[in-house]
Amino acid sequence: MLIPSAGTVLDAAGALPRFTFGTVFTEWSLAPIPFVITVWVAGLYLYGVHLLHRRGDRWPVGRTIAFVVLGMGSFYFATASGLGTYDLTLLSVHMVQHMILAMLVPMALALGAPVTLALRTLPPAPRRWLLAVLHSWPARVLTFPPLTLLLYVVSPWALYFSGWYDATLHSAYLHEVMHIHLVLVGSLFFWPIVGVDPVPGRVSYPFRMLLVVLTLPFHAFLGVTIMGETELIGGSWYPDLHDGPLGSWLPEPIDDQHLAGGILWGSGDLVALVLFGVLFTQWVRASLKEATREDRRLDLLEAREAAASRRAPESER
């Protein structure tokens, strides 16, 4: 599982063609850990949907598409497509992968409402265990909005400006752990914001909007910082690759690093706009549902008053 040096990667990737937009879709690799995770997680979700349909209950198709296609599909695409093949070769490719795993995948998984699906399909005993976990103090702490915001904005700084990222370049195990870490930290942040599951940490829609706004300057500042860095992220890893057989088409490491910073900056704003759209839609739907409930409550009160008036004696009327 260990990749001891850049030379090992050169031996394995010496035949890689020049990276283009097309190679993202043609240079696939069978990454065992992402494959197993994708099959198991998507399979369990689909099995839960099957159980609901078998007993005559309905489950929104949009949730299934969000979780299986957009969520787990994007996870596998980011780790097994050309993005996964070249993520050790180009920092800019890794940065695209980073944004998919940290923002798109968690948001799609949250919209799939897997906790609600589990509560509706699990046997009584496991359902009680899940409810106990949801109401436990660790769950309340891990979904506390200020804490999740702090973890979400600090995590990439710790990744790229410490020895952690360099370690992931030299260890396949740590490399896969980094992918899972990005999804987990993103899920802790996005689940209470856009998710429909009954998880702790849910706040009002204006506060959710504020949390999203607060992430924008941190992403932008991190992207600008990476673009302005003169010291290479990853140490000698990318220069060593550039000096090998891939150097005939690899860009200069510092130029690729500047491109990676721009990708982080621009894609963060783009995904935030999508998130604003999702939140606005959810807010409107919640307001319409609340208005419908209020109309029904008022209609019920009027009906009760009319019934009481009909029953009252003529003298009282």
C-alpha atoms as a PDB file:
ATOM      1  CA  MET A   1       0.000   0.000   0.000  1.00  0.00           C
ATOM      2  CA  LEU A   2       2.990   2.324   0.314  1.00  0.00           C
ATOM      3  CA  ILE A   3       4.402   4.453  -2.476  1.00  0.00           C
ATOM      4  CA  PRO A   4       7.917   5.125  -1.244  1.00  0.00           C
ATOM      5  CA  SER A   5       9.088   7.624  -3.819  1.00  0.00           C
ATOM      6  CA  ALA A   6       8.219   9.560  -6.905  1.00  0.00           C
ATOM      7  CA  GLY A   7      10.173   7.030  -8.926  1.00  0.00           C
ATOM      8  CA  THR A   8       7.583   4.382  -8.200  1.00  0.00           C
ATOM      9  CA  VAL A   9       4.877   6.632  -9.583  1.00  0.00           C
ATOM     10  CA  LEU A  10       6.993   7.326 -12.652  1.00  0.00           C
ATOM     11  CA  ASP A  11       7.293   3.598 -13.304  1.00  0.00           C
ATOM     12  CA  ALA A  12       3.531   3.166 -13.002  1.00  0.00           C
ATOM     13  CA  ALA A  13       2.561   6.363 -14.833  1.00  0.00           C
ATOM     14  CA  GLY A  14       5.312   6.546 -17.436  1.00  0.00           C
ATOM     15  CA  ALA A  15       2.867   5.545 -20.162  1.00  0.00           C
ATOM     16  CA  LEU A  16       0.266   8.163 -19.202  1.00  0.00           C
ATOM     17  CA  PRO A  17      -0.683  10.315 -22.175  1.00  0.00           C
ATOM     18  CA  ARG A  18      -0.769  14.082 -22.029  1.00  0.00           C
ATOM     19  CA  PHE A  19      -3.570  15.216 -19.742  1.00  0.00           C
ATOM     20  CA  THR A  20      -6.514  16.699 -21.612  1.00  0.00           C
ATOM     21  CA  PHE A  21     -10.214  17.096 -20.960  1.00  0.00           C
ATOM     22  CA  GLY A  22     -10.810  13.867 -22.844  1.00  0.00           C
ATOM     23  CA  THR A  23      -8.447  11.799 -20.694  1.00  0.00           C
ATOM     24  CA  VAL A  24     -10.685  12.534 -17.712  1.00  0.00           C
ATOM     25  CA  PHE A  25     -13.210  10.166 -19.313  1.00  0.00           C
ATOM     26  CA  THR A  26     -10.832   7.687 -20.966  1.00  0.00           C
ATOM     27  CA  GLU A  27      -8.087   7.032 -18.386  1.00  0.00           C
ATOM     28  CA  TRP A  28     -10.070   5.064 -15.793  1.00  0.00           C
ATOM     29  CA  SER A  29      -8.453   2.964 -13.080  1.00  0.00           C
ATOM     30  CA  LEU A  30     -10.016   0.302 -10.879  1.00  0.00           C
ATOM     31  CA  ALA A  31      -9.344   1.802  -7.461  1.00  0.00           C
ATOM     32  CA  PRO A  32     -10.383  -0.962  -5.031  1.00  0.00           C
ATOM     33  CA  ILE A  33     -11.270   1.136  -1.972  1.00  0.00           C
ATOM     34  CA  PRO A  34     -13.489   3.677  -3.805  1.00  0.00           C
ATOM     35  CA  PHE A  35     -15.086   0.829  -5.770  1.00  0.00           C
ATOM     36  CA  VAL A  36     -15.972  -1.159  -2.637  1.00  0.00           C
ATOM     37  CA  ILE A  37     -17.250   1.947  -0.813  1.00  0.00           C
ATOM     38  CA  THR A  38     -19.382   3.004  -3.793  1.00  0.00           C
ATOM     39  CA  VAL A  39     -20.905  -0.457  -4.321  1.00  0.00           C
ATOM     40  CA  TRP A  40     -21.709  -1.000  -0.647  1.00  0.00           C
ATOM     41  CA  VAL A  41     -23.089   2.453   0.155  1.00  0.00           C
ATOM     42  CA  ALA A  42     -25.127   2.793  -3.053  1.00  0.00           C
ATOM     43  CA  GLY A  43     -26.245  -0.829  -2.778  1.00  0.00           C
ATOM     44  CA  LEU A  44     -27.517  -0.434   0.784  1.00  0.00           C
ATOM     45  CA  TYR A  45     -29.404   2.708  -0.195  1.00  0.00           C
ATOM     46  CA  LEU A  46     -31.050   1.017  -3.176  1.00  0.00           C
ATOM     47  CA  TYR A  47     -31.922  -1.990  -1.031  1.00  0.00           C
ATOM     48  CA  GLY A  48     -33.680   0.318   1.438  1.00  0.00           C
ATOM     49  CA  VAL A  49     -35.639   1.905  -1.418  1.00  0.00           C
ATOM     50  CA  HIS A  50     -36.568  -1.602  -2.618  1.00  0.00           C
ATOM     51  CA  LEU A  51     -37.872  -2.521   0.833  1.00  0.00           C
ATOM     52  CA  LEU A  52     -40.098   0.570   0.863  1.00  0.00           C
ATOM     53  CA  HIS A  53     -41.532  -0.164  -2.568  1.00  0.00           C
ATOM     54  CA  ARG A  54     -42.101  -3.821  -1.691  1.00  0.00           C
ATOM     55  CA  ARG A  55     -44.338  -2.902   1.224  1.00  0.00           C
ATOM     56  CA  GLY A  56     -46.190  -0.270  -0.809  1.00  0.00           C
ATOM     57  CA  ASP A  57     -44.507   2.896   0.507  1.00  0.00           C
ATOM     58  CA  ARG A  58     -43.265   5.635  -1.776  1.00  0.00           C
ATOM     59  CA  TRP A  59     -39.815   7.201  -1.848  1.00  0.00           C
ATOM     60  CA  PRO A  60     -39.059  10.326  -3.933  1.00  0.00           C
ATOM     61  CA  VAL A  61     -37.113   9.497  -7.074  1.00  0.00           C
ATOM     62  CA  GLY A  62     -35.205  12.769  -6.756  1.00  0.00           C
ATOM     63  CA  ARG A  63     -33.684  11.636  -3.472  1.00  0.00           C
ATOM     64  CA  THR A  64     -32.500   8.380  -5.017  1.00  0.00           C
ATOM     65  CA  ILE A  65     -30.947  10.226  -7.952  1.00  0.00           C
ATOM     66  CA  ALA A  66     -29.275  12.723  -5.604  1.00  0.00           C
ATOM     67  CA  PHE A  67     -27.723  10.039  -3.385  1.00  0.00           C
ATOM     68  CA  VAL A  68     -26.830   7.284  -5.862  1.00  0.00           C
ATOM     69  CA  VAL A  69     -26.114   9.178  -9.099  1.00  0.00           C
ATOM     70  CA  LEU A  70     -24.927  12.613  -7.983  1.00  0.00           C
ATOM     71  CA  GLY A  71     -23.479  11.581  -4.608  1.00  0.00           C
ATOM     72  CA  MET A  72     -21.858   8.163  -4.910  1.00  0.00           C
ATOM     73  CA  GLY A  73     -21.505   8.511  -8.680  1.00  0.00           C
ATOM     74  CA  SER A  74     -19.492  11.715  -8.234  1.00  0.00           C
ATOM     75  CA  PHE A  75     -17.429  10.063  -5.494  1.00  0.00           C
ATOM     76  CA  TYR A  76     -16.450   7.199  -7.775  1.00  0.00           C
ATOM     77  CA  PHE A  77     -15.907   9.527 -10.733  1.00  0.00           C
ATOM     78  CA  ALA A  78     -13.566  11.738  -8.704  1.00  0.00           C
ATOM     79  CA  THR A  79     -11.478   8.803  -7.442  1.00  0.00           C
ATOM     80  CA  ALA A  80     -11.494   6.318 -10.353  1.00  0.00           C
ATOM     81  CA  SER A  81     -11.783   8.375 -13.554  1.00  0.00           C
ATOM     82  CA  GLY A  82      -8.964  10.364 -15.116  1.00  0.00           C
ATOM     83  CA  LEU A  83      -9.170  12.672 -12.102  1.00  0.00           C
ATOM     84  CA  GLY A  84      -8.085   9.774  -9.901  1.00  0.00           C
ATOM     85  CA  THR A  85      -5.467   8.626 -12.431  1.00  0.00           C
ATOM     86  CA  TYR A  86      -3.759  12.022 -12.655  1.00  0.00           C
ATOM     87  CA  ASP A  87      -4.355  13.350  -9.130  1.00  0.00           C
ATOM     88  CA  LEU A  88      -0.819  12.346  -8.099  1.00  0.00           C
ATOM     89  CA  THR A  89       0.632  13.875 -11.251  1.00  0.00           C
ATOM     90  CA  LEU A  90      -0.970  17.332 -11.391  1.00  0.00           C
ATOM     91  CA  LEU A  91      -1.950  19.435  -8.392  1.00  0.00           C
ATOM     92  CA  SER A  92      -4.584  21.185 -10.510  1.00  0.00           C
ATOM     93  CA  VAL A  93      -6.309  17.843 -11.207  1.00  0.00           C
ATOM     94  CA  HIS A  94      -6.184  17.004  -7.516  1.00  0.00           C
ATOM     95  CA  MET A  95      -7.814  20.347  -6.744  1.00  0.00           C
ATOM     96  CA  VAL A  96     -10.769  19.560  -9.022  1.00  0.00           C
ATOM     97  CA  GLN A  97     -11.057  16.230  -7.239  1.00  0.00           C
ATOM     98  CA  HIS A  98     -10.856  18.000  -3.880  1.00  0.00           C
ATOM     99  CA  MET A  99     -13.765  20.318  -4.669  1.00  0.00           C
ATOM    100  CA  ILE A 100     -15.948  17.447  -5.915  1.00  0.00           C
ATOM    101  CA  LEU A 101     -15.295  15.378  -2.789  1.00  0.00           C
ATOM    102  CA  ALA A 102     -15.544  18.254  -0.310  1.00  0.00           C
ATOM    103  CA  MET A 103     -18.586  20.081  -1.709  1.00  0.00           C
ATOM    104  CA  LEU A 104     -20.541  18.314  -4.458  1.00  0.00           C
ATOM    105  CA  VAL A 105     -20.561  14.802  -2.969  1.00  0.00           C
ATOM    106  CA  PRO A 106     -21.594  15.814   0.600  1.00  0.00           C
ATOM    107  CA  MET A 107     -24.328  18.126  -0.696  1.00  0.00           C
ATOM    108  CA  ALA A 108     -25.788  15.389  -2.931  1.00  0.00           C
ATOM    109  CA  LEU A 109     -25.604  12.753  -0.188  1.00  0.00           C
ATOM    110  CA  ALA A 110     -27.419  15.062   2.227  1.00  0.00           C
ATOM    111  CA  LEU A 111     -30.196  15.690  -0.312  1.00  0.00           C
ATOM    112  CA  GLY A 112     -30.667  11.923  -0.585  1.00  0.00           C
ATOM    113  CA  ALA A 113     -31.902  11.718   3.057  1.00  0.00           C
ATOM    114  CA  PRO A 114     -30.283   8.343   3.894  1.00  0.00           C
ATOM    115  CA  VAL A 115     -30.972   8.699   7.635  1.00  0.00           C
ATOM    116  CA  THR A 116     -34.704   9.077   6.973  1.00  0.00           C
ATOM    117  CA  LEU A 117     -34.569   6.051   4.680  1.00  0.00           C
ATOM    118  CA  ALA A 118     -32.797   4.030   7.368  1.00  0.00           C
ATOM    119  CA  LEU A 119     -35.340   5.022  10.027  1.00  0.00           C
ATOM    120  CA  ARG A 120     -38.165   3.855   7.756  1.00  0.00           C
ATOM    121  CA  THR A 121     -36.607   0.506   6.818  1.00  0.00           C
ATOM    122  CA  LEU A 122     -34.503  -0.702   9.757  1.00  0.00           C
ATOM    123  CA  PRO A 123     -35.878  -3.304  12.191  1.00  0.00           C
ATOM    124  CA  PRO A 124     -37.005  -1.971  15.606  1.00  0.00           C
ATOM    125  CA  ALA A 125     -33.761  -2.641  17.488  1.00  0.00           C
ATOM    126  CA  PRO A 126     -31.340  -1.044  14.988  1.00  0.00           C
ATOM    127  CA  ARG A 127     -33.785   1.842  14.576  1.00  0.00           C
ATOM    128  CA  ARG A 128     -33.612   2.516  18.330  1.00  0.00           C
ATOM    129  CA  TRP A 129     -29.812   2.405  18.176  1.00  0.00           C
ATOM    130  CA  LEU A 130     -29.767   4.910  15.318  1.00  0.00           C
ATOM    131  CA  LEU A 131     -32.138   7.233  17.184  1.00  0.00           C
ATOM    132  CA  ALA A 132     -29.937   6.958  20.259  1.00  0.00           C
ATOM    133  CA  VAL A 133     -26.919   7.990  18.192  1.00  0.00           C
ATOM    134  CA  LEU A 134     -28.788  10.930  16.666  1.00  0.00           C
ATOM    135  CA  HIS A 135     -29.805  12.183  20.112  1.00  0.00           C
ATOM    136  CA  SER A 136     -26.410  11.582  21.751  1.00  0.00           C
ATOM    137  CA  TRP A 137     -24.142  14.402  22.868  1.00  0.00           C
ATOM    138  CA  PRO A 138     -21.342  13.473  20.397  1.00  0.00           C
ATOM    139  CA  ALA A 139     -23.818  13.900  17.524  1.00  0.00           C
ATOM    140  CA  ARG A 140     -24.916  17.286  18.877  1.00  0.00           C
ATOM    141  CA  VAL A 141     -21.301  18.395  19.235  1.00  0.00           C
ATOM    142  CA  LEU A 142     -20.231  17.198  15.768  1.00  0.00           C
ATOM    143  CA  THR A 143     -23.188  18.969  14.137  1.00  0.00           C
ATOM    144  CA  PHE A 144     -22.857  22.208  16.113  1.00  0.00           C
ATOM    145  CA  PRO A 145     -22.832  24.818  13.290  1.00  0.00           C
ATOM    146  CA  PRO A 146     -19.914  26.994  14.510  1.00  0.00           C
ATOM    147  CA  LEU A 147     -17.790  23.858  15.011  1.00  0.00           C
ATOM    148  CA  THR A 148     -18.644  22.371  11.607  1.00  0.00           C
ATOM    149  CA  LEU A 149     -17.873  25.710   9.962  1.00  0.00           C
ATOM    150  CA  LEU A 150     -14.508  25.845  11.726  1.00  0.00           C
ATOM    151  CA  LEU A 151     -13.625  22.281  10.692  1.00  0.00           C
ATOM    152  CA  TYR A 152     -14.696  22.949   7.129  1.00  0.00           C
ATOM    153  CA  VAL A 153     -12.596  26.081   6.633  1.00  0.00           C
ATOM    154  CA  VAL A 154      -9.545  24.975   8.657  1.00  0.00           C
ATOM    155  CA  SER A 155      -9.245  21.484   7.158  1.00  0.00           C
ATOM    156  CA  PRO A 156      -7.891  22.512   3.719  1.00  0.00           C
ATOM    157  CA  TRP A 157      -5.412  24.921   5.307  1.00  0.00           C
ATOM    158  CA  ALA A 158      -4.115  22.112   7.496  1.00  0.00           C
ATOM    159  CA  LEU A 159      -3.985  19.775   4.488  1.00  0.00           C
ATOM    160  CA  TYR A 160      -1.921  21.962   2.154  1.00  0.00           C
ATOM    161  CA  PHE A 161       0.221  23.913   4.612  1.00  0.00           C
ATOM    162  CA  SER A 162       1.411  21.074   6.798  1.00  0.00           C
ATOM    163  CA  GLY A 163       3.136  17.785   6.107  1.00  0.00           C
ATOM    164  CA  TRP A 164      -0.169  16.002   5.643  1.00  0.00           C
ATOM    165  CA  TYR A 165      -0.533  16.472   1.882  1.00  0.00           C
ATOM    166  CA  ASP A 166       3.079  15.485   1.279  1.00  0.00           C
ATOM    167  CA  ALA A 167       2.460  12.300   3.301  1.00  0.00           C
ATOM    168  CA  THR A 168      -0.589  11.430   1.172  1.00  0.00           C
ATOM    169  CA  LEU A 169       1.590  11.615  -1.943  1.00  0.00           C
ATOM    170  CA  HIS A 170       3.860   8.909  -0.578  1.00  0.00           C
ATOM    171  CA  SER A 171       1.245   6.553   0.868  1.00  0.00           C
ATOM    172  CA  ALA A 172      -1.679   5.063  -1.059  1.00  0.00           C
ATOM    173  CA  TYR A 173      -3.404   4.328   2.245  1.00  0.00           C
ATOM    174  CA  LEU A 174      -3.178   7.945   3.444  1.00  0.00           C
ATOM    175  CA  HIS A 175      -4.203   9.094  -0.011  1.00  0.00           C
ATOM    176  CA  GLU A 176      -7.502   7.179   0.236  1.00  0.00           C
ATOM    177  CA  VAL A 177      -7.964   8.342   3.848  1.00  0.00           C
ATOM    178  CA  MET A 178      -7.663  11.932   2.604  1.00  0.00           C
ATOM    179  CA  HIS A 179     -10.475  11.332   0.085  1.00  0.00           C
ATOM    180  CA  ILE A 180     -12.763   9.934   2.773  1.00  0.00           C
ATOM    181  CA  HIS A 181     -11.795  12.749   5.144  1.00  0.00           C
ATOM    182  CA  LEU A 182     -12.829  15.390   2.609  1.00  0.00           C
ATOM    183  CA  VAL A 183     -16.256  13.763   2.220  1.00  0.00           C
ATOM    184  CA  LEU A 184     -16.773  13.364   5.980  1.00  0.00           C
ATOM    185  CA  VAL A 185     -15.831  16.952   6.857  1.00  0.00           C
ATOM    186  CA  GLY A 186     -17.989  18.240   4.028  1.00  0.00           C
ATOM    187  CA  SER A 187     -20.893  16.073   5.210  1.00  0.00           C
ATOM    188  CA  LEU A 188     -20.671  17.418   8.750  1.00  0.00           C
ATOM    189  CA  PHE A 189     -21.000  20.928   7.332  1.00  0.00           C
ATOM    190  CA  PHE A 190     -23.605  20.382   4.591  1.00  0.00           C
ATOM    191  CA  TRP A 191     -25.901  17.823   6.231  1.00  0.00           C
ATOM    192  CA  PRO A 192     -27.609  20.205   8.705  1.00  0.00           C
ATOM    193  CA  ILE A 193     -27.703  22.955   6.050  1.00  0.00           C
ATOM    194  CA  VAL A 194     -29.254  21.290   2.991  1.00  0.00           C
ATOM    195  CA  GLY A 195     -30.203  17.858   4.299  1.00  0.00           C
ATOM    196  CA  VAL A 196     -33.774  16.832   5.077  1.00  0.00           C
ATOM    197  CA  ASP A 197     -32.810  14.206   7.645  1.00  0.00           C
ATOM    198  CA  PRO A 198     -33.743  14.641  11.328  1.00  0.00           C
ATOM    199  CA  VAL A 199     -30.175  15.321  12.426  1.00  0.00           C
ATOM    200  CA  PRO A 200     -29.100  17.675  15.219  1.00  0.00           C
ATOM    201  CA  GLY A 201     -27.564  21.008  14.310  1.00  0.00           C
ATOM    202  CA  ARG A 202     -30.376  22.148  12.009  1.00  0.00           C
ATOM    203  CA  VAL A 203     -30.900  25.910  12.144  1.00  0.00           C
ATOM    204  CA  SER A 204     -33.203  28.442  10.473  1.00  0.00           C
ATOM    205  CA  TYR A 205     -32.813  29.201   6.778  1.00  0.00           C
ATOM    206  CA  PRO A 206     -31.405  32.728   7.276  1.00  0.00           C
ATOM    207  CA  PHE A 207     -28.668  31.295   9.494  1.00  0.00           C
ATOM    208  CA  ARG A 208     -27.963  28.582   6.916  1.00  0.00           C
ATOM    209  CA  MET A 209     -27.501  31.288   4.294  1.00  0.00           C
ATOM    210  CA  LEU A 210     -25.130  33.094   6.648  1.00  0.00           C
ATOM    211  CA  LEU A 211     -23.026  29.947   7.138  1.00  0.00           C
ATOM    212  CA  VAL A 212     -22.630  29.565   3.391  1.00  0.00           C
ATOM    213  CA  VAL A 213     -21.674  33.232   3.008  1.00  0.00           C
ATOM    214  CA  LEU A 214     -19.018  32.825   5.705  1.00  0.00           C
ATOM    215  CA  THR A 215     -17.278  30.055   3.736  1.00  0.00           C
ATOM    216  CA  LEU A 216     -16.778  32.243   0.641  1.00  0.00           C
ATOM    217  CA  PRO A 217     -13.942  34.478   1.888  1.00  0.00           C
ATOM    218  CA  PHE A 218     -12.080  31.497   3.356  1.00  0.00           C
ATOM    219  CA  HIS A 219     -12.141  29.599   0.051  1.00  0.00           C
ATOM    220  CA  ALA A 220     -11.176  32.712  -1.864  1.00  0.00           C
ATOM    221  CA  PHE A 221      -8.345  33.577   0.526  1.00  0.00           C
ATOM    222  CA  LEU A 222      -7.005  30.006   0.415  1.00  0.00           C
ATOM    223  CA  GLY A 223      -7.109  29.986  -3.379  1.00  0.00           C
ATOM    224  CA  VAL A 224      -5.341  33.349  -3.616  1.00  0.00           C
ATOM    225  CA  THR A 225      -2.747  32.207  -1.078  1.00  0.00           C
ATOM    226  CA  ILE A 226      -1.964  29.072  -3.100  1.00  0.00           C
ATOM    227  CA  MET A 227      -1.764  31.162  -6.285  1.00  0.00           C
ATOM    228  CA  GLY A 228       0.727  33.518  -4.635  1.00  0.00           C
ATOM    229  CA  GLU A 229       2.914  30.834  -3.022  1.00  0.00           C
ATOM    230  CA  THR A 230       6.479  30.565  -4.263  1.00  0.00           C
ATOM    231  CA  GLU A 231       7.156  27.401  -2.263  1.00  0.00           C
ATOM    232  CA  LEU A 232       5.802  24.254  -3.873  1.00  0.00           C
ATOM    233  CA  ILE A 233       3.041  22.276  -2.160  1.00  0.00           C
ATOM    234  CA  GLY A 234       4.157  18.653  -1.912  1.00  0.00           C
ATOM    235  CA  GLY A 235       7.831  19.476  -1.634  1.00  0.00           C
ATOM    236  CA  SER A 236       9.968  17.817  -4.311  1.00  0.00           C
ATOM    237  CA  TRP A 237       7.236  15.454  -5.477  1.00  0.00           C
ATOM    238  CA  TYR A 238       6.110  17.386  -8.569  1.00  0.00           C
ATOM    239  CA  PRO A 239       9.622  18.536  -9.638  1.00  0.00           C
ATOM    240  CA  ASP A 240      10.770  14.906  -9.487  1.00  0.00           C
ATOM    241  CA  LEU A 241       7.901  13.920 -11.745  1.00  0.00           C
ATOM    242  CA  HIS A 242       8.763  16.790 -14.076  1.00  0.00           C
ATOM    243  CA  ASP A 243      12.335  15.503 -14.393  1.00  0.00           C
ATOM    244  CA  GLY A 244      11.120  12.027 -15.385  1.00  0.00           C
ATOM    245  CA  PRO A 245       9.547  10.653 -18.583  1.00  0.00           C
ATOM    246  CA  LEU A 246       6.353  12.650 -17.946  1.00  0.00           C
ATOM    247  CA  GLY A 247       8.286  15.901 -18.118  1.00  0.00           C
ATOM    248  CA  SER A 248       7.769  16.092 -21.870  1.00  0.00           C
ATOM    249  CA  TRP A 249       4.213  17.301 -21.337  1.00  0.00           C
ATOM    250  CA  LEU A 250       3.940  18.240 -17.659  1.00  0.00           C
ATOM    251  CA  PRO A 251       3.637  21.981 -16.983  1.00  0.00           C
ATOM    252  CA  GLU A 252       6.019  23.720 -14.644  1.00  0.00           C
ATOM    253  CA  PRO A 253       5.048  22.751 -11.057  1.00  0.00           C
ATOM    254  CA  ILE A 254       4.717  26.371  -9.924  1.00  0.00           C
ATOM    255  CA  ASP A 255       2.433  27.182 -12.883  1.00  0.00           C
ATOM    256  CA  ASP A 256       0.274  24.156 -12.163  1.00  0.00           C
ATOM    257  CA  GLN A 257       0.106  25.201  -8.510  1.00  0.00           C
ATOM    258  CA  HIS A 258      -1.101  28.671  -9.494  1.00  0.00           C
ATOM    259  CA  LEU A 259      -3.771  27.027 -11.676  1.00  0.00           C
ATOM    260  CA  ALA A 260      -4.792  24.834  -8.731  1.00  0.00           C
ATOM    261  CA  GLY A 261      -5.288  27.907  -6.546  1.00  0.00           C
ATOM    262  CA  GLY A 262      -7.460  29.510  -9.213  1.00  0.00           C
ATOM    263  CA  ILE A 263      -9.549  26.345  -9.483  1.00  0.00           C
ATOM    264  CA  LEU A 264     -10.076  26.309  -5.729  1.00  0.00           C
ATOM    265  CA  TRP A 265     -11.115  29.952  -5.728  1.00  0.00           C
ATOM    266  CA  GLY A 266     -13.441  29.844  -8.726  1.00  0.00           C
ATOM    267  CA  SER A 267     -15.076  26.456  -8.114  1.00  0.00           C
ATOM    268  CA  GLY A 268     -15.755  27.343  -4.477  1.00  0.00           C
ATOM    269  CA  ASP A 269     -17.791  30.354  -5.559  1.00  0.00           C
ATOM    270  CA  LEU A 270     -19.563  28.321  -8.263  1.00  0.00           C
ATOM    271  CA  VAL A 271     -20.630  25.558  -5.889  1.00  0.00           C
ATOM    272  CA  ALA A 272     -21.710  28.175  -3.351  1.00  0.00           C
ATOM    273  CA  LEU A 273     -24.052  29.662  -5.968  1.00  0.00           C
ATOM    274  CA  VAL A 274     -25.555  26.207  -6.548  1.00  0.00           C
ATOM    275  CA  LEU A 275     -25.927  25.798  -2.804  1.00  0.00           C
ATOM    276  CA  PHE A 276     -27.702  29.158  -2.564  1.00  0.00           C
ATOM    277  CA  GLY A 277     -30.130  27.969  -5.227  1.00  0.00           C
ATOM    278  CA  VAL A 278     -30.825  24.736  -3.346  1.00  0.00           C
ATOM    279  CA  LEU A 279     -31.337  26.580  -0.062  1.00  0.00           C
ATOM    280  CA  PHE A 280     -33.620  29.161  -1.651  1.00  0.00           C
ATOM    281  CA  THR A 281     -35.752  26.410  -3.198  1.00  0.00           C
ATOM    282  CA  GLN A 282     -35.971  24.578   0.117  1.00  0.00           C
ATOM    283  CA  TRP A 283     -36.844  27.806   1.921  1.00  0.00           C
ATOM    284  CA  VAL A 284     -39.673  28.582  -0.520  1.00  0.00           C
ATOM    285  CA  ARG A 285     -41.067  25.060  -0.256  1.00  0.00           C
ATOM    286  CA  ALA A 286     -40.903  25.148   3.543  1.00  0.00           C
ATOM    287  CA  SER A 287     -42.704  28.507   3.557  1.00  0.00           C
ATOM    288  CA  LEU A 288     -45.434  27.174   1.257  1.00  0.00           C
ATOM    289  CA  LYS A 289     -45.904  24.113   3.443  1.00  0.00           C
ATOM    290  CA  GLU A 290     -46.102  26.300   6.538  1.00  0.00           C
ATOM    291  CA  ALA A 291     -48.684  28.530   4.844  1.00  0.00           C
ATOM    292  CA  THR A 292     -50.728  25.467   3.899  1.00  0.00           C
ATOM    293  CA  ARG A 293     -50.626  24.182   7.465  1.00  0.00           C
ATOM    294  CA  GLU A 294     -51.677  27.585   8.775  1.00  0.00           C
ATOM    295  CA  ASP A 295     -54.587  27.734   6.314  1.00  0.00           C
ATOM    296  CA  ARG A 296     -55.732  24.309   7.421  1.00  0.00           C
ATOM    297  CA  ARG A 297     -55.473  25.335  11.080  1.00  0.00           C
ATOM    298  CA  LEU A 298     -57.563  28.459  10.465  1.00  0.00           C
ATOM    299  CA  ASP A 299     -60.130  26.495   8.436  1.00  0.00           C
ATOM    300  CA  LEU A 300     -60.404  24.002  11.285  1.00  0.00           C
ATOM    301  CA  LEU A 301     -60.932  26.788  13.829  1.00  0.00           C
ATOM    302  CA  GLU A 302     -63.635  28.359  11.664  1.00  0.00           C
ATOM    303  CA  ALA A 303     -65.360  25.001  11.252  1.00  0.00           C
ATOM    304  CA  ARG A 304     -65.324  24.415  15.018  1.00  0.00           C
ATOM    305  CA  GLU A 305     -66.709  27.891  15.703  1.00  0.00           C
ATOM    306  CA  ALA A 306     -69.481  27.365  13.131  1.00  0.00           C
ATOM    307  CA  ALA A 307     -70.375  23.989  14.646  1.00  0.00           C
ATOM    308  CA  ALA A 308     -70.428  25.463  18.150  1.00  0.00           C
ATOM    309  CA  SER A 309     -72.654  28.307  16.916  1.00  0.00           C
ATOM    310  CA  ARG A 310     -75.143  25.864  15.405  1.00  0.00           C
ATOM    311  CA  ARG A 311     -75.324  23.884  18.623  1.00  0.00           C
ATOM    312  CA  ALA A 312     -75.820  26.942  20.844  1.00  0.00           C
ATOM    313  CA  PRO A 313     -79.405  27.817  21.942  1.00  0.00           C
ATOM    314  CA  GLU A 314     -81.204  30.643  20.107  1.00  0.00           C
ATOM    315  CA  SER A 315     -81.137  32.831  23.215  1.00  0.00           C
ATOM    316  CA  GLU A 316     -77.326  32.547  23.465  1.00  0.00           C
ATOM    317  CA  ARG A 317     -76.976  33.423  19.783  1.00  0.00           C
END
